[in-house]
Amino acid sequence: MSTEIDRQWTTRLRKTVVEKLPPDKLLPDTQPAYVASWIYVFGVTTLAALAIVILTGCVLAMKGPLWWHLSGTGHFVNSLHLWSVEIFFFAMVIHLWGKYFMAAWRGGRQLTWVTGVVLFLTSVGAGFTGYVSQTNYDSQWISTQAKDGINATGGGAIFNVLNLGQMLMWHIVLLPLAAVALTAVHVIYVRIKGVVPPFEEVK
């Protein structure tokens, strides 16, 4: 017989979370032998690069464009931001293709795969809005070249690449929030379902 406490949404949520993701799954002490693979190194590299992207992006946002264009330290932090983005995409693409050829959606892991793919597409949008938010001639050229293609799809009605303020807000608020949320969900699904085993391991 259920009590009043058992019917509370917080109690039900806690029980569901603990059932789906017990502490030994959330923070495991060991992993299967097949996790000792370079393809997972690129997954972790993607996470590390994302952390550096966000950290350097926060510094750039606090200091503003006059700092990253005119200050030596600003140039350095801006370069760290750029190269961490390059490493992020390099590692993510290798991880994505590696998991594709491993058929990582097997064993009920479809949502793990889907969140990874959507995260990649979200990151492409974040990278694009970053390029058009540089406040230099490169960003002006990129935005003017991109506007016709986006307008041809009808997307220009809500996504104006010539509007620096709009692009900057997409780049530093909306898309990073989406990327971090999707990353968290992706990692949680990996913890819930586990790492996909090699084909010969499947029963």
N, C-alpha and C. Protein backbone atom coordinates (compact mmCIF):
# COMPACT_ATOMS: atom_id res chain seq x y z
N MET A 1 0.85 -1.19 0.00
CA MET A 1 0.00 0.00 0.00
C MET A 1 0.89 1.25 0.00
N SER A 2 0.71 2.11 -0.99
CA SER A 2 1.57 3.29 -1.12
C SER A 2 1.18 4.34 -0.09
N THR A 3 2.19 5.03 0.40
CA THR A 3 1.97 6.10 1.36
C THR A 3 1.90 7.43 0.61
N GLU A 4 1.63 8.47 1.38
CA GLU A 4 1.58 9.81 0.79
C GLU A 4 2.93 10.20 0.21
N ILE A 5 4.01 9.82 0.88
CA ILE A 5 5.36 10.14 0.41
C ILE A 5 5.65 9.43 -0.90
N ASP A 6 5.21 8.17 -1.03
CA ASP A 6 5.47 7.40 -2.25
C ASP A 6 4.80 8.02 -3.46
N ARG A 7 3.72 8.78 -3.24
CA ARG A 7 2.99 9.37 -4.36
C ARG A 7 3.56 10.72 -4.79
N GLN A 8 4.48 11.28 -4.01
CA GLN A 8 5.05 12.57 -4.36
C GLN A 8 5.92 12.44 -5.62
N TRP A 9 5.90 13.49 -6.44
CA TRP A 9 6.66 13.41 -7.70
C TRP A 9 8.16 13.34 -7.45
N THR A 10 8.63 13.98 -6.38
CA THR A 10 10.07 13.92 -6.09
C THR A 10 10.50 12.50 -5.71
N THR A 11 9.64 11.81 -4.96
CA THR A 11 9.95 10.44 -4.58
C THR A 11 9.97 9.54 -5.81
N ARG A 12 8.97 9.69 -6.66
CA ARG A 12 8.91 8.87 -7.88
C ARG A 12 10.09 9.17 -8.80
N LEU A 13 10.45 10.44 -8.92
CA LEU A 13 11.58 10.81 -9.77
C LEU A 13 12.88 10.23 -9.23
N ARG A 14 13.07 10.33 -7.89
CA ARG A 14 14.29 9.79 -7.29
C ARG A 14 14.40 8.29 -7.51
N LYS A 15 13.30 7.58 -7.31
CA LYS A 15 13.32 6.13 -7.49
C LYS A 15 13.61 5.75 -8.94
N THR A 16 13.03 6.51 -9.87
CA THR A 16 13.27 6.23 -11.29
C THR A 16 14.73 6.46 -11.65
N VAL A 17 15.30 7.58 -11.16
CA VAL A 17 16.70 7.90 -11.46
C VAL A 17 17.63 6.84 -10.87
N VAL A 18 17.39 6.45 -9.63
CA VAL A 18 18.25 5.45 -8.98
C VAL A 18 18.12 4.10 -9.67
N GLU A 19 16.91 3.78 -10.12
CA GLU A 19 16.69 2.52 -10.82
C GLU A 19 17.40 2.49 -12.17
N LYS A 20 17.29 3.60 -12.92
CA LYS A 20 17.90 3.67 -14.25
C LYS A 20 19.40 3.91 -14.18
N LEU A 21 19.83 4.68 -13.18
CA LEU A 21 21.23 5.10 -13.12
C LEU A 21 21.76 4.99 -11.69
N PRO A 22 21.97 3.78 -11.20
CA PRO A 22 22.53 3.62 -9.86
C PRO A 22 23.97 4.15 -9.81
N PRO A 23 24.47 4.45 -8.61
CA PRO A 23 25.81 5.06 -8.50
C PRO A 23 26.93 4.27 -9.18
N ASP A 24 26.85 2.93 -9.17
CA ASP A 24 27.91 2.15 -9.81
C ASP A 24 27.89 2.28 -11.32
N LYS A 25 26.74 2.66 -11.89
CA LYS A 25 26.66 2.93 -13.33
C LYS A 25 27.07 4.37 -13.64
N LEU A 26 26.67 5.30 -12.76
CA LEU A 26 26.97 6.70 -12.99
C LEU A 26 28.47 6.96 -12.90
N LEU A 27 29.11 6.40 -11.91
CA LEU A 27 30.56 6.56 -11.72
C LEU A 27 31.19 5.18 -11.55
N PRO A 28 31.34 4.42 -12.64
CA PRO A 28 31.86 3.06 -12.53
C PRO A 28 33.35 3.04 -12.20
N ASP A 29 33.76 1.98 -11.48
CA ASP A 29 35.18 1.81 -11.15
C ASP A 29 35.95 1.13 -12.28
N THR A 30 35.26 0.31 -13.05
CA THR A 30 35.90 -0.43 -14.13
C THR A 30 35.06 -0.33 -15.40
N GLN A 31 35.69 -0.62 -16.52
CA GLN A 31 35.01 -0.65 -17.81
C GLN A 31 35.41 -1.94 -18.53
N PRO A 32 34.58 -2.42 -19.47
CA PRO A 32 34.96 -3.61 -20.24
C PRO A 32 36.28 -3.40 -20.98
N ALA A 33 36.97 -4.48 -21.30
CA ALA A 33 38.28 -4.40 -21.95
C ALA A 33 38.21 -3.68 -23.29
N TYR A 34 37.08 -3.81 -24.01
CA TYR A 34 37.00 -3.21 -25.34
C TYR A 34 36.88 -1.69 -25.30
N VAL A 35 36.73 -1.11 -24.11
CA VAL A 35 36.70 0.35 -24.00
C VAL A 35 38.11 0.91 -24.18
N ALA A 36 39.13 0.08 -24.03
CA ALA A 36 40.52 0.51 -24.25
C ALA A 36 40.77 0.64 -25.75
N SER A 37 40.11 1.61 -26.36
CA SER A 37 40.16 1.82 -27.80
C SER A 37 40.33 3.30 -28.08
N TRP A 38 41.05 3.62 -29.15
CA TRP A 38 41.28 5.02 -29.50
C TRP A 38 39.99 5.76 -29.81
N ILE A 39 38.98 5.06 -30.24
CA ILE A 39 37.74 5.74 -30.62
C ILE A 39 37.11 6.41 -29.41
N TYR A 40 37.31 5.84 -28.20
CA TYR A 40 36.78 6.45 -26.99
C TYR A 40 37.67 7.59 -26.51
N VAL A 41 38.95 7.53 -26.86
CA VAL A 41 39.85 8.65 -26.54
C VAL A 41 39.36 9.91 -27.25
N PHE A 42 38.91 9.74 -28.50
CA PHE A 42 38.40 10.91 -29.24
C PHE A 42 37.10 11.42 -28.63
N GLY A 43 36.29 10.55 -28.05
CA GLY A 43 35.09 11.00 -27.35
C GLY A 43 35.43 11.86 -26.14
N VAL A 44 36.41 11.41 -25.36
CA VAL A 44 36.84 12.17 -24.18
C VAL A 44 37.54 13.46 -24.61
N THR A 45 38.32 13.39 -25.70
CA THR A 45 38.96 14.61 -26.22
C THR A 45 37.91 15.65 -26.62
N THR A 46 36.81 15.19 -27.18
CA THR A 46 35.72 16.10 -27.53
C THR A 46 35.18 16.81 -26.30
N LEU A 47 34.98 16.05 -25.22
CA LEU A 47 34.48 16.65 -23.97
C LEU A 47 35.48 17.65 -23.40
N ALA A 48 36.78 17.29 -23.41
CA ALA A 48 37.80 18.20 -22.88
C ALA A 48 37.88 19.49 -23.71
N ALA A 49 37.82 19.33 -25.03
CA ALA A 49 37.87 20.51 -25.90
C ALA A 49 36.65 21.39 -25.68
N LEU A 50 35.48 20.78 -25.49
CA LEU A 50 34.26 21.56 -25.22
C LEU A 50 34.42 22.38 -23.95
N ALA A 51 35.03 21.80 -22.93
CA ALA A 51 35.23 22.53 -21.68
C ALA A 51 36.13 23.75 -21.90
N ILE A 52 37.19 23.59 -22.71
CA ILE A 52 38.08 24.71 -23.00
C ILE A 52 37.38 25.76 -23.85
N VAL A 53 36.57 25.31 -24.82
CA VAL A 53 35.79 26.24 -25.64
C VAL A 53 34.91 27.12 -24.77
N ILE A 54 34.20 26.50 -23.83
CA ILE A 54 33.29 27.26 -22.97
C ILE A 54 34.06 28.20 -22.05
N LEU A 55 35.17 27.72 -21.47
CA LEU A 55 35.97 28.56 -20.57
C LEU A 55 36.54 29.77 -21.29
N THR A 56 37.18 29.55 -22.44
CA THR A 56 37.75 30.67 -23.18
C THR A 56 36.65 31.58 -23.74
N GLY A 57 35.52 30.98 -24.13
CA GLY A 57 34.41 31.79 -24.61
C GLY A 57 33.87 32.72 -23.54
N CYS A 58 33.82 32.23 -22.30
CA CYS A 58 33.35 33.08 -21.19
C CYS A 58 34.30 34.26 -20.98
N VAL A 59 35.61 34.00 -21.08
CA VAL A 59 36.58 35.09 -20.93
C VAL A 59 36.41 36.11 -22.04
N LEU A 60 36.27 35.63 -23.28
CA LEU A 60 36.08 36.55 -24.42
C LEU A 60 34.80 37.35 -24.27
N ALA A 61 33.74 36.71 -23.79
CA ALA A 61 32.46 37.42 -23.61
C ALA A 61 32.57 38.51 -22.55
N MET A 62 33.35 38.25 -21.50
CA MET A 62 33.48 39.25 -20.43
C MET A 62 34.33 40.44 -20.87
N LYS A 63 35.34 40.16 -21.70
CA LYS A 63 36.28 41.22 -22.08
C LYS A 63 35.83 42.02 -23.31
N GLY A 64 35.16 41.38 -24.26
CA GLY A 64 34.66 42.09 -25.43
C GLY A 64 35.63 42.15 -26.59
N PRO A 65 35.13 42.57 -27.78
CA PRO A 65 35.93 42.52 -29.00
C PRO A 65 37.14 43.44 -29.01
N LEU A 66 37.07 44.59 -28.34
CA LEU A 66 38.24 45.47 -28.31
C LEU A 66 39.43 44.79 -27.65
N TRP A 67 39.14 43.90 -26.70
CA TRP A 67 40.22 43.18 -26.02
C TRP A 67 40.80 42.10 -26.90
N TRP A 68 39.94 41.29 -27.54
CA TRP A 68 40.50 40.18 -28.31
C TRP A 68 41.07 40.63 -29.66
N HIS A 69 40.76 41.84 -30.09
CA HIS A 69 41.36 42.35 -31.32
C HIS A 69 42.65 43.15 -31.05
N LEU A 70 42.73 43.84 -29.92
CA LEU A 70 43.81 44.80 -29.70
C LEU A 70 44.83 44.38 -28.65
N SER A 71 44.46 43.44 -27.79
CA SER A 71 45.36 43.04 -26.71
C SER A 71 46.11 41.76 -27.08
N GLY A 72 47.38 41.69 -26.70
CA GLY A 72 48.14 40.46 -26.93
C GLY A 72 47.55 39.29 -26.18
N THR A 73 47.16 39.53 -24.93
CA THR A 73 46.51 38.47 -24.15
C THR A 73 45.18 38.08 -24.78
N GLY A 74 44.46 39.09 -25.28
CA GLY A 74 43.19 38.81 -25.95
C GLY A 74 43.38 37.96 -27.19
N HIS A 75 44.42 38.27 -27.96
CA HIS A 75 44.73 37.44 -29.14
C HIS A 75 45.01 36.00 -28.72
N PHE A 76 45.74 35.85 -27.61
CA PHE A 76 46.10 34.51 -27.14
C PHE A 76 44.85 33.72 -26.73
N VAL A 77 43.98 34.35 -25.95
CA VAL A 77 42.76 33.66 -25.52
C VAL A 77 41.86 33.37 -26.72
N ASN A 78 41.79 34.31 -27.65
CA ASN A 78 41.00 34.10 -28.86
C ASN A 78 41.55 32.91 -29.66
N SER A 79 42.88 32.80 -29.71
CA SER A 79 43.50 31.66 -30.41
C SER A 79 43.22 30.35 -29.69
N LEU A 80 43.26 30.38 -28.36
CA LEU A 80 42.90 29.18 -27.59
C LEU A 80 41.47 28.76 -27.90
N HIS A 81 40.58 29.75 -27.99
CA HIS A 81 39.18 29.46 -28.30
C HIS A 81 39.07 28.83 -29.69
N LEU A 82 39.76 29.42 -30.66
CA LEU A 82 39.71 28.90 -32.03
C LEU A 82 40.25 27.48 -32.10
N TRP A 83 41.42 27.25 -31.53
CA TRP A 83 42.05 25.92 -31.69
C TRP A 83 41.35 24.86 -30.87
N SER A 84 40.75 25.24 -29.76
CA SER A 84 39.96 24.25 -29.02
C SER A 84 38.72 23.87 -29.80
N VAL A 85 38.14 24.83 -30.56
CA VAL A 85 37.02 24.50 -31.45
C VAL A 85 37.48 23.55 -32.56
N GLU A 86 38.67 23.81 -33.13
CA GLU A 86 39.19 22.94 -34.18
C GLU A 86 39.39 21.51 -33.65
N ILE A 87 39.97 21.39 -32.47
CA ILE A 87 40.18 20.07 -31.87
C ILE A 87 38.84 19.41 -31.55
N PHE A 88 37.90 20.21 -31.05
CA PHE A 88 36.56 19.72 -30.74
C PHE A 88 35.92 19.06 -31.96
N PHE A 89 35.93 19.77 -33.08
CA PHE A 89 35.30 19.21 -34.29
C PHE A 89 36.09 18.04 -34.85
N PHE A 90 37.40 18.12 -34.84
CA PHE A 90 38.23 17.02 -35.33
C PHE A 90 37.94 15.74 -34.54
N ALA A 91 37.98 15.86 -33.22
CA ALA A 91 37.75 14.68 -32.37
C ALA A 91 36.31 14.19 -32.48
N MET A 92 35.36 15.12 -32.56
CA MET A 92 33.95 14.73 -32.63
C MET A 92 33.65 13.97 -33.93
N VAL A 93 34.18 14.45 -35.05
CA VAL A 93 33.92 13.79 -36.33
C VAL A 93 34.51 12.38 -36.34
N ILE A 94 35.73 12.23 -35.81
CA ILE A 94 36.32 10.89 -35.75
C ILE A 94 35.50 9.98 -34.84
N HIS A 95 35.08 10.50 -33.70
CA HIS A 95 34.25 9.72 -32.77
C HIS A 95 32.92 9.34 -33.43
N LEU A 96 32.33 10.30 -34.13
CA LEU A 96 31.04 10.05 -34.79
C LEU A 96 31.15 8.98 -35.86
N TRP A 97 32.14 9.09 -36.73
CA TRP A 97 32.32 8.09 -37.78
C TRP A 97 32.70 6.73 -37.20
N GLY A 98 33.55 6.75 -36.18
CA GLY A 98 33.92 5.48 -35.54
C GLY A 98 32.71 4.77 -34.97
N LYS A 99 31.86 5.52 -34.29
CA LYS A 99 30.65 4.91 -33.72
C LYS A 99 29.66 4.49 -34.80
N TYR A 100 29.68 5.21 -35.94
CA TYR A 100 28.81 4.80 -37.05
C TYR A 100 29.22 3.42 -37.57
N PHE A 101 30.51 3.23 -37.79
CA PHE A 101 30.97 1.94 -38.31
C PHE A 101 30.89 0.83 -37.26
N MET A 102 30.78 1.22 -35.99
CA MET A 102 30.56 0.23 -34.93
C MET A 102 29.07 -0.04 -34.72
N ALA A 103 28.21 0.67 -35.47
CA ALA A 103 26.76 0.55 -35.31
C ALA A 103 26.38 0.75 -33.84
N ALA A 104 26.76 1.92 -33.33
CA ALA A 104 26.63 2.20 -31.90
C ALA A 104 25.20 2.32 -31.41
N TRP A 105 24.24 2.24 -32.32
CA TRP A 105 22.83 2.30 -31.91
C TRP A 105 22.29 0.93 -31.52
N ARG A 106 23.13 -0.11 -31.62
CA ARG A 106 22.68 -1.46 -31.29
C ARG A 106 22.34 -1.57 -29.79
N GLY A 107 21.53 -2.57 -29.47
CA GLY A 107 21.22 -2.85 -28.07
C GLY A 107 20.41 -1.78 -27.38
N GLY A 108 19.49 -1.17 -28.11
CA GLY A 108 18.64 -0.15 -27.49
C GLY A 108 19.35 1.16 -27.23
N ARG A 109 20.43 1.44 -27.99
CA ARG A 109 21.19 2.67 -27.79
C ARG A 109 20.85 3.74 -28.83
N GLN A 110 19.65 3.69 -29.38
CA GLN A 110 19.27 4.64 -30.43
C GLN A 110 19.34 6.08 -29.93
N LEU A 111 18.86 6.32 -28.71
CA LEU A 111 18.86 7.69 -28.20
C LEU A 111 20.27 8.18 -27.92
N THR A 112 21.17 7.30 -27.56
CA THR A 112 22.57 7.69 -27.40
C THR A 112 23.11 8.20 -28.72
N TRP A 113 22.83 7.45 -29.79
CA TRP A 113 23.29 7.83 -31.12
C TRP A 113 22.63 9.13 -31.60
N VAL A 114 21.33 9.24 -31.41
CA VAL A 114 20.60 10.41 -31.88
C VAL A 114 21.08 11.68 -31.17
N THR A 115 21.28 11.61 -29.87
CA THR A 115 21.75 12.80 -29.15
C THR A 115 23.14 13.21 -29.63
N GLY A 116 23.98 12.23 -29.97
CA GLY A 116 25.30 12.56 -30.51
C GLY A 116 25.22 13.25 -31.85
N VAL A 117 24.34 12.77 -32.72
CA VAL A 117 24.18 13.38 -34.05
C VAL A 117 23.61 14.79 -33.93
N VAL A 118 22.58 14.95 -33.10
CA VAL A 118 21.97 16.28 -32.92
C VAL A 118 22.98 17.24 -32.29
N LEU A 119 23.81 16.73 -31.38
CA LEU A 119 24.87 17.56 -30.78
C LEU A 119 25.85 18.03 -31.86
N PHE A 120 26.19 17.15 -32.79
CA PHE A 120 27.09 17.54 -33.88
C PHE A 120 26.47 18.66 -34.71
N LEU A 121 25.20 18.51 -35.08
CA LEU A 121 24.53 19.54 -35.89
C LEU A 121 24.41 20.86 -35.12
N THR A 122 24.13 20.77 -33.83
CA THR A 122 24.06 21.98 -33.00
C THR A 122 25.42 22.67 -32.95
N SER A 123 26.48 21.88 -32.87
CA SER A 123 27.83 22.43 -32.81
C SER A 123 28.22 23.10 -34.12
N VAL A 124 27.74 22.57 -35.24
CA VAL A 124 27.99 23.21 -36.53
C VAL A 124 27.36 24.61 -36.52
N GLY A 125 26.13 24.70 -36.02
CA GLY A 125 25.49 26.01 -35.91
C GLY A 125 26.25 26.95 -35.00
N ALA A 126 26.76 26.43 -33.89
CA ALA A 126 27.54 27.26 -32.96
C ALA A 126 28.83 27.74 -33.63
N GLY A 127 29.48 26.84 -34.38
CA GLY A 127 30.69 27.24 -35.09
C GLY A 127 30.42 28.32 -36.13
N PHE A 128 29.33 28.16 -36.86
CA PHE A 128 28.97 29.15 -37.89
C PHE A 128 28.69 30.51 -37.28
N THR A 129 27.87 30.53 -36.23
CA THR A 129 27.56 31.82 -35.59
C THR A 129 28.80 32.43 -34.95
N GLY A 130 29.75 31.59 -34.55
CA GLY A 130 31.01 32.12 -34.04
C GLY A 130 31.81 32.83 -35.11
N TYR A 131 31.84 32.25 -36.31
CA TYR A 131 32.56 32.86 -37.42
C TYR A 131 31.98 34.22 -37.79
N VAL A 132 30.64 34.34 -37.77
CA VAL A 132 30.03 35.61 -38.17
C VAL A 132 29.97 36.61 -37.02
N SER A 133 30.48 36.22 -35.84
CA SER A 133 30.49 37.12 -34.68
C SER A 133 31.88 37.65 -34.35
N GLN A 134 32.83 37.44 -35.25
CA GLN A 134 34.22 37.84 -34.95
C GLN A 134 34.42 39.34 -34.97
N THR A 135 33.49 40.09 -35.58
CA THR A 135 33.59 41.55 -35.75
C THR A 135 34.87 41.94 -36.48
N ASN A 136 35.14 41.26 -37.59
CA ASN A 136 36.26 41.62 -38.46
C ASN A 136 35.82 41.41 -39.91
N TYR A 137 36.73 41.61 -40.85
CA TYR A 137 36.38 41.48 -42.26
C TYR A 137 36.04 40.04 -42.63
N ASP A 138 36.66 39.07 -41.95
CA ASP A 138 36.32 37.67 -42.20
C ASP A 138 34.85 37.41 -41.92
N SER A 139 34.38 37.90 -40.76
CA SER A 139 32.98 37.66 -40.39
C SER A 139 32.02 38.38 -41.34
N GLN A 140 32.42 39.57 -41.81
CA GLN A 140 31.57 40.28 -42.77
C GLN A 140 31.47 39.50 -44.08
N TRP A 141 32.58 38.97 -44.54
CA TRP A 141 32.58 38.21 -45.79
C TRP A 141 31.75 36.94 -45.65
N ILE A 142 31.97 36.21 -44.54
CA ILE A 142 31.24 34.96 -44.33
C ILE A 142 29.74 35.21 -44.26
N SER A 143 29.34 36.23 -43.52
CA SER A 143 27.90 36.49 -43.35
C SER A 143 27.25 36.93 -44.65
N THR A 144 27.94 37.78 -45.43
CA THR A 144 27.33 38.22 -46.69
C THR A 144 27.24 37.08 -47.70
N GLN A 145 28.20 36.16 -47.65
CA GLN A 145 28.14 35.01 -48.55
C GLN A 145 27.07 34.01 -48.11
N ALA A 146 26.84 33.92 -46.81
CA ALA A 146 25.89 32.92 -46.30
C ALA A 146 24.44 33.39 -46.38
N LYS A 147 24.24 34.70 -46.38
CA LYS A 147 22.86 35.21 -46.26
C LYS A 147 21.97 34.76 -47.41
N ASP A 148 22.51 34.74 -48.64
CA ASP A 148 21.68 34.37 -49.78
C ASP A 148 21.21 32.92 -49.69
N GLY A 149 22.13 32.05 -49.27
CA GLY A 149 21.76 30.63 -49.13
C GLY A 149 20.71 30.43 -48.06
N ILE A 150 20.88 31.11 -46.92
CA ILE A 150 19.91 30.96 -45.83
C ILE A 150 18.58 31.59 -46.21
N ASN A 151 18.63 32.75 -46.87
CA ASN A 151 17.39 33.40 -47.30
C ASN A 151 16.64 32.55 -48.32
N ALA A 152 17.38 31.81 -49.15
CA ALA A 152 16.73 30.96 -50.15
C ALA A 152 15.92 29.84 -49.52
N THR A 153 16.28 29.46 -48.30
CA THR A 153 15.53 28.42 -47.60
C THR A 153 14.34 28.99 -46.84
N GLY A 154 14.26 30.32 -46.73
CA GLY A 154 13.23 30.96 -45.93
C GLY A 154 13.65 31.18 -44.49
N GLY A 155 14.84 30.65 -44.14
CA GLY A 155 15.32 30.79 -42.76
C GLY A 155 15.74 32.19 -42.40
N GLY A 156 16.00 33.02 -43.42
CA GLY A 156 16.41 34.38 -43.14
C GLY A 156 15.37 35.21 -42.40
N ALA A 157 14.12 34.74 -42.41
CA ALA A 157 13.05 35.47 -41.70
C ALA A 157 13.27 35.45 -40.19
N ILE A 158 13.94 34.42 -39.69
CA ILE A 158 14.16 34.32 -38.24
C ILE A 158 15.65 34.24 -37.89
N PHE A 159 16.50 34.02 -38.90
CA PHE A 159 17.93 33.83 -38.65
C PHE A 159 18.69 34.75 -39.61
N ASN A 160 18.91 36.00 -39.17
CA ASN A 160 19.53 37.02 -40.01
C ASN A 160 21.02 37.07 -39.72
N VAL A 161 21.83 36.49 -40.61
CA VAL A 161 23.27 36.41 -40.36
C VAL A 161 23.95 37.76 -40.43
N LEU A 162 23.29 38.78 -40.97
CA LEU A 162 23.87 40.12 -41.00
C LEU A 162 23.59 40.90 -39.72
N ASN A 163 22.81 40.32 -38.83
CA ASN A 163 22.49 40.95 -37.55
C ASN A 163 23.49 40.45 -36.51
N LEU A 164 24.52 41.25 -36.25
CA LEU A 164 25.59 40.83 -35.34
C LEU A 164 25.06 40.51 -33.95
N GLY A 165 24.17 41.33 -33.43
CA GLY A 165 23.63 41.09 -32.09
C GLY A 165 22.92 39.76 -32.01
N GLN A 166 22.11 39.46 -33.02
CA GLN A 166 21.38 38.19 -33.01
C GLN A 166 22.34 37.01 -33.09
N MET A 167 23.32 37.08 -33.99
CA MET A 167 24.27 35.98 -34.15
C MET A 167 25.10 35.78 -32.88
N LEU A 168 25.48 36.89 -32.25
CA LEU A 168 26.27 36.80 -31.03
C LEU A 168 25.48 36.12 -29.91
N MET A 169 24.19 36.47 -29.79
CA MET A 169 23.36 35.84 -28.76
C MET A 169 23.16 34.35 -29.03
N TRP A 170 22.96 34.00 -30.30
CA TRP A 170 22.87 32.58 -30.64
C TRP A 170 24.17 31.87 -30.25
N HIS A 171 25.30 32.55 -30.51
CA HIS A 171 26.60 31.91 -30.30
C HIS A 171 26.97 31.77 -28.83
N ILE A 172 26.65 32.76 -28.02
CA ILE A 172 27.12 32.70 -26.64
C ILE A 172 26.05 32.28 -25.64
N VAL A 173 24.79 32.17 -26.08
CA VAL A 173 23.72 31.79 -25.15
C VAL A 173 22.99 30.53 -25.61
N LEU A 174 22.22 30.65 -26.70
CA LEU A 174 21.30 29.57 -27.07
C LEU A 174 22.02 28.29 -27.48
N LEU A 175 22.94 28.38 -28.41
CA LEU A 175 23.59 27.16 -28.91
C LEU A 175 24.52 26.51 -27.88
N PRO A 176 25.29 27.29 -27.10
CA PRO A 176 26.08 26.63 -26.04
C PRO A 176 25.21 25.92 -25.00
N LEU A 177 24.08 26.54 -24.63
CA LEU A 177 23.18 25.87 -23.68
C LEU A 177 22.68 24.55 -24.26
N ALA A 178 22.29 24.57 -25.54
CA ALA A 178 21.82 23.35 -26.19
C ALA A 178 22.93 22.32 -26.27
N ALA A 179 24.14 22.76 -26.60
CA ALA A 179 25.27 21.82 -26.72
C ALA A 179 25.61 21.17 -25.39
N VAL A 180 25.64 21.96 -24.33
CA VAL A 180 25.97 21.41 -23.01
C VAL A 180 24.86 20.46 -22.54
N ALA A 181 23.60 20.83 -22.77
CA ALA A 181 22.48 19.97 -22.37
C ALA A 181 22.53 18.65 -23.14
N LEU A 182 22.77 18.72 -24.44
CA LEU A 182 22.84 17.49 -25.24
C LEU A 182 24.03 16.63 -24.86
N THR A 183 25.14 17.26 -24.52
CA THR A 183 26.31 16.51 -24.07
C THR A 183 25.99 15.76 -22.78
N ALA A 184 25.33 16.45 -21.85
CA ALA A 184 24.97 15.81 -20.58
C ALA A 184 24.03 14.63 -20.82
N VAL A 185 23.02 14.82 -21.66
CA VAL A 185 22.08 13.74 -21.96
C VAL A 185 22.79 12.58 -22.65
N HIS A 186 23.70 12.90 -23.58
CA HIS A 186 24.45 11.86 -24.30
C HIS A 186 25.27 11.02 -23.32
N VAL A 187 26.00 11.68 -22.43
CA VAL A 187 26.83 10.95 -21.46
C VAL A 187 25.96 10.12 -20.52
N ILE A 188 24.82 10.66 -20.11
CA ILE A 188 23.92 9.91 -19.22
C ILE A 188 23.40 8.66 -19.92
N TYR A 189 23.04 8.78 -21.20
CA TYR A 189 22.60 7.60 -21.95
C TYR A 189 23.72 6.57 -22.08
N VAL A 190 24.95 7.03 -22.25
CA VAL A 190 26.08 6.10 -22.30
C VAL A 190 26.19 5.36 -20.98
N ARG A 191 25.99 6.08 -19.87
CA ARG A 191 26.06 5.44 -18.56
C ARG A 191 24.91 4.46 -18.35
N ILE A 192 23.72 4.83 -18.81
CA ILE A 192 22.56 3.96 -18.61
C ILE A 192 22.67 2.68 -19.42
N LYS A 193 22.99 2.82 -20.71
CA LYS A 193 23.02 1.67 -21.62
C LYS A 193 24.38 1.00 -21.69
N GLY A 194 25.42 1.69 -21.25
CA GLY A 194 26.76 1.14 -21.35
C GLY A 194 27.36 1.37 -22.72
N VAL A 195 28.64 1.10 -22.83
CA VAL A 195 29.35 1.26 -24.10
C VAL A 195 29.01 0.10 -25.01
N VAL A 196 28.78 0.39 -26.28
CA VAL A 196 28.38 -0.66 -27.22
C VAL A 196 29.53 -1.67 -27.39
N PRO A 197 29.22 -2.96 -27.30
CA PRO A 197 30.28 -3.97 -27.44
C PRO A 197 30.64 -4.20 -28.90
N PRO A 198 31.79 -4.77 -29.18
CA PRO A 198 32.13 -5.14 -30.56
C PRO A 198 31.11 -6.14 -31.11
N PHE A 199 31.05 -6.28 -32.44
CA PHE A 199 30.06 -7.16 -33.06
C PHE A 199 30.16 -8.59 -32.56
N GLU A 200 31.38 -9.08 -32.35
CA GLU A 200 31.53 -10.48 -31.92
C GLU A 200 31.08 -10.70 -30.49
N GLU A 201 30.94 -9.59 -29.72
CA GLU A 201 30.52 -9.68 -28.32
C GLU A 201 29.01 -9.78 -28.19
N VAL A 202 28.28 -9.43 -29.26
CA VAL A 202 26.82 -9.41 -29.18
C VAL A 202 26.29 -10.82 -29.10
N LYS A 203 25.42 -11.07 -28.13
CA LYS A 203 24.83 -12.40 -27.95
C LYS A 203 23.57 -12.55 -28.80
